[in-house]
């Protein structure tokens, strides 16, 4: 078990450090709501009735509407201003006879464990409550809510049971009981005899939850036979940026598959003309084109060289004539 609260019991001037544990648990089999058509899980969304958008839990405040229709909204800061008992202390208010507490007031039970290396004060309080046959009334604050609670002993362990406030228990009067005649003494004696014949010491282990046992058996049989088994559901597509990433991956995958079909060909259709055999001429064309470009470049270079040589020849002839005149 994991403790849900730590503090101390304030017993006069004595402090008893304790840890609090939930004393009970629910073993009922839980069911999910699903779509009867395909077995898909039903999800619940917190939707604002004004803007129609989904609202995160952290953005939700609490509102109160009066009988006259006036609505006010309170935030966590407003609740923090309310008076509550010490959050880490269980103050003892008084000790009362245990039989004076109506069982209808009991709400939820918690076990208290000593939270000290020397739990002498814990044992002293537990032993005292056993000896005087009384129950301690205390205040217990859990999750910012203060409750009245009963502190008693069960098999040597301190047990704290939260109590309902008196105004939380409904008063009741049934008109069907008005004017009913009192039972005769003979009827009461016969009823007492029947009760005595059916009397025994209480042993909770004698009683079992037959409904849960049969329900578990029904579920095991359904799983073993495969009847009513929900088929595996496809993973939901994420929203927002994640969805864009998923779409991009899917598009790339389809592109690779299409590229593979164009490269490897296919059994028929438009993929047939795009076989690798058609690509050979393209390479040849590229080679010829390159060769043509090379030949053109050489031809151009040759013509340029011829023009340059032609220009240089007249220049040499002119230089010889000049030299001949000077010699003469």
Protein backbone atom coordinates (compact mmCIF):
# COMPACT_ATOMS: atom_id res chain seq x y z
CA UNK A 1 0.00 0.00 0.00
CA UNK A 2 1.04 3.59 -0.55
CA UNK A 3 0.29 6.26 2.04
CA UNK A 4 -1.89 9.15 0.87
CA UNK A 5 -1.30 11.50 3.80
CA UNK A 6 1.29 12.19 6.49
CA UNK A 7 0.84 14.16 9.68
CA UNK A 8 0.16 13.68 13.36
CA UNK A 9 -2.71 13.17 15.78
CA UNK A 10 -2.89 16.05 18.27
CA UNK A 11 -3.89 14.32 21.53
CA UNK A 12 -3.70 17.09 24.14
CA UNK A 13 -0.02 18.00 24.30
CA UNK A 14 0.95 14.65 22.77
CA UNK A 15 1.63 14.35 19.04
CA UNK A 16 1.31 10.95 17.39
CA UNK A 17 3.00 10.91 13.94
CA UNK A 18 1.03 8.76 11.50
CA UNK A 19 0.73 7.76 7.86
CA UNK A 20 -2.72 7.36 6.33
CA UNK A 21 -3.71 4.55 3.97
CA UNK A 22 -7.00 3.84 2.23
CA UNK A 23 -8.54 0.91 4.10
CA UNK A 24 -10.91 -0.40 1.44
CA UNK A 25 -10.80 -1.18 -2.28
CA UNK A 26 -13.35 -1.94 -4.95
CA UNK A 27 -13.12 -5.31 -6.69
CA UNK A 28 -16.00 -4.75 -9.08
CA UNK A 29 -15.17 -5.66 -12.68
CA UNK A 30 -14.92 -2.53 -14.79
CA UNK A 31 -16.30 -2.21 -18.30
CA UNK A 32 -15.47 0.25 -21.08
CA UNK A 33 -18.14 1.82 -23.22
CA UNK A 34 -17.68 0.85 -26.88
CA UNK A 35 -19.43 1.43 -30.18
CA UNK A 36 -21.72 -1.58 -30.66
CA UNK A 37 -21.09 -1.51 -34.42
CA UNK A 38 -17.29 -1.89 -34.47
CA UNK A 39 -16.17 -2.14 -30.83
CA UNK A 40 -14.35 1.20 -30.85
CA UNK A 41 -13.80 2.89 -27.48
CA UNK A 42 -16.07 5.83 -26.62
CA UNK A 43 -14.11 8.92 -25.62
CA UNK A 44 -15.37 11.91 -23.69
CA UNK A 45 -14.30 15.42 -24.51
CA UNK A 46 -14.67 18.55 -22.36
CA UNK A 47 -16.23 20.95 -24.84
CA UNK A 48 -17.14 24.55 -24.09
CA UNK A 49 -20.76 25.33 -24.94
CA UNK A 50 -19.85 28.93 -25.88
CA UNK A 51 -16.85 28.59 -28.23
CA UNK A 52 -17.26 24.91 -29.04
CA UNK A 53 -13.58 24.16 -28.38
CA UNK A 54 -12.09 21.36 -26.28
CA UNK A 55 -10.88 22.63 -22.91
CA UNK A 56 -7.86 21.32 -21.02
CA UNK A 57 -8.42 20.35 -17.39
CA UNK A 58 -5.95 23.03 -16.23
CA UNK A 59 -8.14 25.71 -17.84
CA UNK A 60 -11.29 24.66 -16.00
CA UNK A 61 -12.61 26.60 -13.00
CA UNK A 62 -15.58 25.84 -10.77
CA UNK A 63 -18.85 27.74 -11.11
CA UNK A 64 -21.84 27.98 -8.81
CA UNK A 65 -25.34 28.81 -9.91
CA UNK A 66 -27.78 30.03 -7.29
CA UNK A 67 -31.45 29.02 -7.23
CA UNK A 68 -32.18 32.46 -8.71
CA UNK A 69 -29.93 31.80 -11.68
CA UNK A 70 -26.93 33.91 -10.58
CA UNK A 71 -23.65 32.30 -11.63
CA UNK A 72 -20.23 32.94 -10.11
CA UNK A 73 -16.87 31.38 -10.98
CA UNK A 74 -14.25 30.57 -8.33
CA UNK A 75 -10.59 29.83 -9.02
CA UNK A 76 -8.04 27.89 -6.96
CA UNK A 77 -6.90 31.17 -5.41
CA UNK A 78 -10.43 31.78 -4.13
CA UNK A 79 -10.62 28.33 -2.51
CA UNK A 80 -7.24 28.86 -0.88
CA UNK A 81 -8.76 31.72 1.15
CA UNK A 82 -11.31 29.45 2.83
CA UNK A 83 -10.71 28.39 6.46
CA UNK A 84 -9.60 24.78 6.80
CA UNK A 85 -8.11 22.77 9.62
CA UNK A 86 -4.36 22.26 9.78
CA UNK A 87 -3.51 20.17 6.74
CA UNK A 88 -1.01 17.95 8.55
CA UNK A 89 -2.71 17.58 11.88
CA UNK A 90 -5.62 15.46 13.14
CA UNK A 91 -6.87 17.27 16.23
CA UNK A 92 -8.86 15.24 18.78
CA UNK A 93 -12.04 17.15 19.68
CA UNK A 94 -13.61 14.81 22.28
CA UNK A 95 -14.19 11.18 23.21
CA UNK A 96 -17.73 9.78 22.94
CA UNK A 97 -19.31 6.37 23.63
CA UNK A 98 -18.89 4.26 20.48
CA UNK A 99 -22.54 3.14 20.45
CA UNK A 100 -23.73 6.75 20.16
CA UNK A 101 -22.41 7.12 16.61
CA UNK A 102 -25.10 6.08 14.15
CA UNK A 103 -23.55 3.79 11.48
CA UNK A 104 -25.39 5.76 8.80
CA UNK A 105 -22.88 8.57 9.41
CA UNK A 106 -19.86 6.47 8.46
CA UNK A 107 -18.40 7.33 5.06
CA UNK A 108 -14.86 6.14 4.18
CA UNK A 109 -12.26 4.26 6.23
CA UNK A 110 -8.49 4.76 6.50
CA UNK A 111 -5.73 2.86 8.31
CA UNK A 112 -3.21 4.82 10.38
CA UNK A 113 0.37 3.58 10.67
CA UNK A 114 2.86 4.98 13.20
CA UNK A 115 5.37 7.25 11.47
CA UNK A 116 8.03 7.28 14.17
CA UNK A 117 11.02 5.19 15.14
CA UNK A 118 9.51 4.96 18.65
CA UNK A 119 5.74 4.40 18.19
CA UNK A 120 5.05 4.39 21.94
CA UNK A 121 2.55 7.27 21.72
CA UNK A 122 0.66 5.42 18.94
CA UNK A 123 0.38 2.23 21.01
CA UNK A 124 -0.65 4.22 24.10
CA UNK A 125 -3.52 5.95 22.26
CA UNK A 126 -4.73 2.70 20.69
CA UNK A 127 -4.65 0.82 23.98
CA UNK A 128 -6.46 3.64 25.77
CA UNK A 129 -9.30 3.68 23.23
CA UNK A 130 -9.70 -0.07 23.65
CA UNK A 131 -9.83 0.17 27.42
CA UNK A 132 -12.37 2.99 27.70
CA UNK A 133 -14.54 1.69 24.79
CA UNK A 134 -14.88 5.16 23.38
CA UNK A 135 -14.35 6.72 19.99
CA UNK A 136 -12.39 9.90 19.39
CA UNK A 137 -14.01 12.59 17.25
CA UNK A 138 -11.43 14.39 15.13
CA UNK A 139 -11.05 16.77 12.21
CA UNK A 140 -9.35 15.37 9.11
CA UNK A 141 -8.39 17.52 6.11
CA UNK A 142 -7.73 15.75 2.82
CA UNK A 143 -7.48 17.47 -0.57
CA UNK A 144 -8.45 20.85 0.89
CA UNK A 145 -11.65 19.45 2.37
CA UNK A 146 -12.11 19.14 6.12
CA UNK A 147 -14.30 16.33 7.41
CA UNK A 148 -15.50 15.22 10.81
CA UNK A 149 -14.13 11.75 11.51
CA UNK A 150 -14.22 8.96 14.08
CA UNK A 151 -10.95 7.52 15.37
CA UNK A 152 -11.23 4.00 16.77
CA UNK A 153 -9.24 0.78 17.10
CA UNK A 154 -9.50 -2.33 14.92
CA UNK A 155 -7.33 -5.30 15.84
CA UNK A 156 -4.75 -3.05 17.49
CA UNK A 157 -4.61 -0.63 14.52
CA UNK A 158 -5.97 2.90 14.63
CA UNK A 159 -8.73 3.38 12.04
CA UNK A 160 -10.07 6.74 10.95
CA UNK A 161 -13.56 6.84 9.46
CA UNK A 162 -14.87 10.03 7.95
CA UNK A 163 -18.39 10.98 9.01
CA UNK A 164 -21.19 12.72 7.19
CA UNK A 165 -22.28 16.07 8.61
CA UNK A 166 -25.70 15.93 10.28
CA UNK A 167 -27.36 17.94 7.50
CA UNK A 168 -26.08 15.41 4.93
CA UNK A 169 -28.33 12.68 6.36
CA UNK A 170 -31.88 12.94 5.10
CA UNK A 171 -34.77 12.89 7.50
CA UNK A 172 -37.50 10.53 6.41
CA UNK A 173 -41.18 9.91 7.21
CA UNK A 174 -43.27 7.33 5.38
CA UNK A 175 -47.01 7.85 5.40
CA UNK A 176 -47.47 4.13 4.81
CA UNK A 177 -46.42 3.53 8.44
CA UNK A 178 -48.95 5.95 9.91
CA UNK A 179 -51.74 4.23 11.87
CA UNK A 180 -50.26 0.72 11.68
CA UNK A 181 -51.32 -1.42 14.64
CA UNK A 182 -48.66 -2.55 17.09
CA UNK A 183 -47.58 -6.22 16.85
CA UNK A 184 -49.14 -8.54 19.46
CA UNK A 185 -46.92 -10.05 22.13
CA UNK A 186 -47.34 -13.54 20.67
CA UNK A 187 -46.13 -12.34 17.28
CA UNK A 188 -43.10 -10.72 18.86
CA UNK A 189 -42.21 -13.91 20.75
CA UNK A 190 -42.43 -16.00 17.59
CA UNK A 191 -40.25 -13.52 15.72
CA UNK A 192 -37.70 -13.58 18.55
CA UNK A 193 -37.60 -17.38 18.42
CA UNK A 194 -36.94 -17.28 14.67
CA UNK A 195 -34.20 -14.69 15.14
CA UNK A 196 -32.57 -16.82 17.84
CA UNK A 197 -32.57 -19.85 15.54
CA UNK A 198 -30.82 -17.84 12.81
CA UNK A 199 -28.33 -16.11 15.13
CA UNK A 200 -24.56 -16.63 14.85
CA UNK A 201 -21.30 -14.73 15.27
CA UNK A 202 -20.45 -12.44 12.41
CA UNK A 203 -17.79 -13.84 10.09
CA UNK A 204 -17.47 -11.82 6.85
CA UNK A 205 -15.49 -14.64 5.21
CA UNK A 206 -18.68 -16.70 5.10
CA UNK A 207 -20.15 -14.36 2.51
CA UNK A 208 -19.04 -14.00 -1.11
CA UNK A 209 -20.00 -11.78 -4.00
CA UNK A 210 -21.71 -14.37 -6.20
CA UNK A 211 -22.47 -11.82 -8.90
CA UNK A 212 -18.79 -10.94 -9.44
CA UNK A 213 -17.81 -14.63 -9.40
CA UNK A 214 -20.36 -15.52 -12.08
CA UNK A 215 -19.47 -12.43 -14.10
CA UNK A 216 -15.79 -13.39 -14.07
CA UNK A 217 -16.68 -16.92 -15.17
CA UNK A 218 -18.80 -15.52 -18.00
CA UNK A 219 -15.93 -13.32 -19.18
CA UNK A 220 -13.41 -16.18 -19.06
CA UNK A 221 -15.72 -18.36 -21.16
CA UNK A 222 -16.24 -15.57 -23.68
CA UNK A 223 -12.48 -15.03 -24.02
CA UNK A 224 -11.80 -18.77 -24.39
CA UNK A 225 -14.50 -19.25 -27.04
CA UNK A 226 -13.78 -16.01 -28.89
CA UNK A 227 -17.43 -14.92 -28.83
CA UNK A 228 -17.89 -11.21 -28.57
CA UNK A 229 -14.16 -10.60 -28.96
CA UNK A 230 -13.44 -7.11 -30.25
CA UNK A 231 -11.15 -7.08 -33.32
CA UNK A 232 -7.93 -5.11 -33.13
CA UNK A 233 -8.51 -1.49 -33.96
CA UNK A 234 -6.17 0.52 -36.23
CA UNK A 235 -4.06 3.07 -34.45
CA UNK A 236 -5.69 6.50 -34.45
CA UNK A 237 -4.04 9.13 -36.63
CA UNK A 238 -2.49 11.84 -34.41
CA UNK A 239 -3.60 15.40 -34.80
CA UNK A 240 -1.65 18.59 -35.51
CA UNK A 241 2.02 18.42 -36.48
CA UNK A 242 2.17 14.68 -35.82
CA UNK A 243 -0.48 14.15 -38.49
CA UNK A 244 1.58 16.18 -40.96
CA UNK A 245 4.63 14.02 -40.25
CA UNK A 246 2.59 10.84 -40.72
CA UNK A 247 1.18 12.17 -44.00
CA UNK A 248 4.68 13.08 -45.20
CA UNK A 249 6.03 9.61 -44.40
CA UNK A 250 3.09 8.02 -46.16
CA UNK A 251 3.63 10.23 -49.21
CA UNK A 252 7.33 9.35 -49.33
CA UNK A 253 6.49 5.65 -49.04
CA UNK A 254 4.04 5.88 -51.92
CA UNK A 255 6.62 7.77 -53.96
CA UNK A 256 9.23 5.06 -53.35
CA UNK A 257 6.76 2.36 -54.33
CA UNK A 258 5.83 4.25 -57.50
CA UNK A 259 9.51 4.77 -58.32
CA UNK A 260 10.11 1.06 -57.87
CA UNK A 261 7.33 0.25 -60.32
CA UNK A 262 8.75 2.65 -62.93
CA UNK A 263 12.23 1.19 -62.55
CA UNK A 264 11.32 -2.48 -62.42
CA UNK A 265 8.39 -2.30 -64.81
CA UNK A 266 5.13 -4.14 -64.35
CA UNK A 267 2.72 -6.62 -65.79
CA UNK A 268 0.92 -4.10 -67.94
CA UNK A 269 -0.55 -0.65 -68.18
CA UNK A 270 1.39 2.59 -68.25
CA UNK A 271 4.43 1.08 -66.52
CA UNK A 272 5.39 -1.04 -69.57
CA UNK A 273 6.85 1.71 -71.84
CA UNK A 274 9.11 2.97 -69.02
CA UNK A 275 11.47 -0.04 -68.95
CA UNK A 276 15.21 0.29 -68.58
CA UNK A 277 15.68 -0.81 -72.23
CA UNK A 278 14.34 2.58 -73.31
CA UNK A 279 16.99 4.38 -71.29
CA UNK A 280 19.98 3.01 -73.35
CA UNK A 281 19.38 5.32 -76.35
CA UNK A 282 19.23 8.25 -74.01
CA UNK A 283 22.76 7.47 -72.79
CA UNK A 284 23.93 7.12 -76.43
CA UNK A 285 22.34 10.46 -77.27
CA UNK A 286 24.13 12.07 -74.38
CA UNK A 287 27.43 10.60 -75.57
CA UNK A 288 26.89 11.76 -79.16
CA UNK A 289 25.86 15.14 -77.96
CA UNK A 290 29.02 15.35 -75.91
CA UNK A 291 31.13 14.22 -78.87
CA UNK A 292 29.42 16.75 -81.13
CA UNK A 293 30.17 19.48 -78.66
CA UNK A 294 33.81 18.40 -78.54
CA UNK A 295 34.12 18.36 -82.38
CA UNK A 296 32.49 21.77 -82.61
CA UNK A 297 34.93 23.13 -80.08
CA UNK A 298 37.94 21.77 -81.98
CA UNK A 299 36.63 23.17 -85.31
CA UNK A 300 36.13 26.59 -83.77
CA UNK A 301 39.63 26.53 -82.32
CA UNK A 302 41.11 25.54 -85.71
CA UNK A 303 39.34 28.37 -87.51
CA UNK A 304 40.54 30.87 -84.94
CA UNK A 305 44.11 29.65 -85.36
CA UNK A 306 43.87 29.98 -89.17
CA UNK A 307 42.59 33.56 -88.90
CA UNK A 308 45.37 34.46 -86.52
CA UNK A 309 47.98 32.96 -88.87
CA UNK A 310 46.47 34.83 -91.84
CA UNK A 311 46.76 38.13 -89.96
CA UNK A 312 50.38 37.45 -89.04
CA UNK A 313 51.48 36.65 -92.69
CA UNK A 314 50.85 40.16 -94.19
CA UNK A 315 52.57 41.67 -91.21
CA UNK A 316 55.75 39.66 -91.92
CA UNK A 317 55.71 40.64 -95.67
CA UNK A 318 55.41 44.33 -94.77
CA UNK A 319 58.38 44.02 -92.43
CA UNK A 320 60.58 42.48 -95.19
CA UNK A 321 59.75 45.27 -97.70
CA UNK A 322 60.69 47.92 -95.17
CA UNK A 323 64.03 46.23 -94.45
CA UNK A 324 64.80 46.01 -98.24
CA UNK A 325 64.23 49.75 -98.81
CA UNK A 326 66.52 50.69 -95.93
CA UNK A 327 69.28 48.47 -97.39
CA UNK A 328 68.98 50.12 -100.78
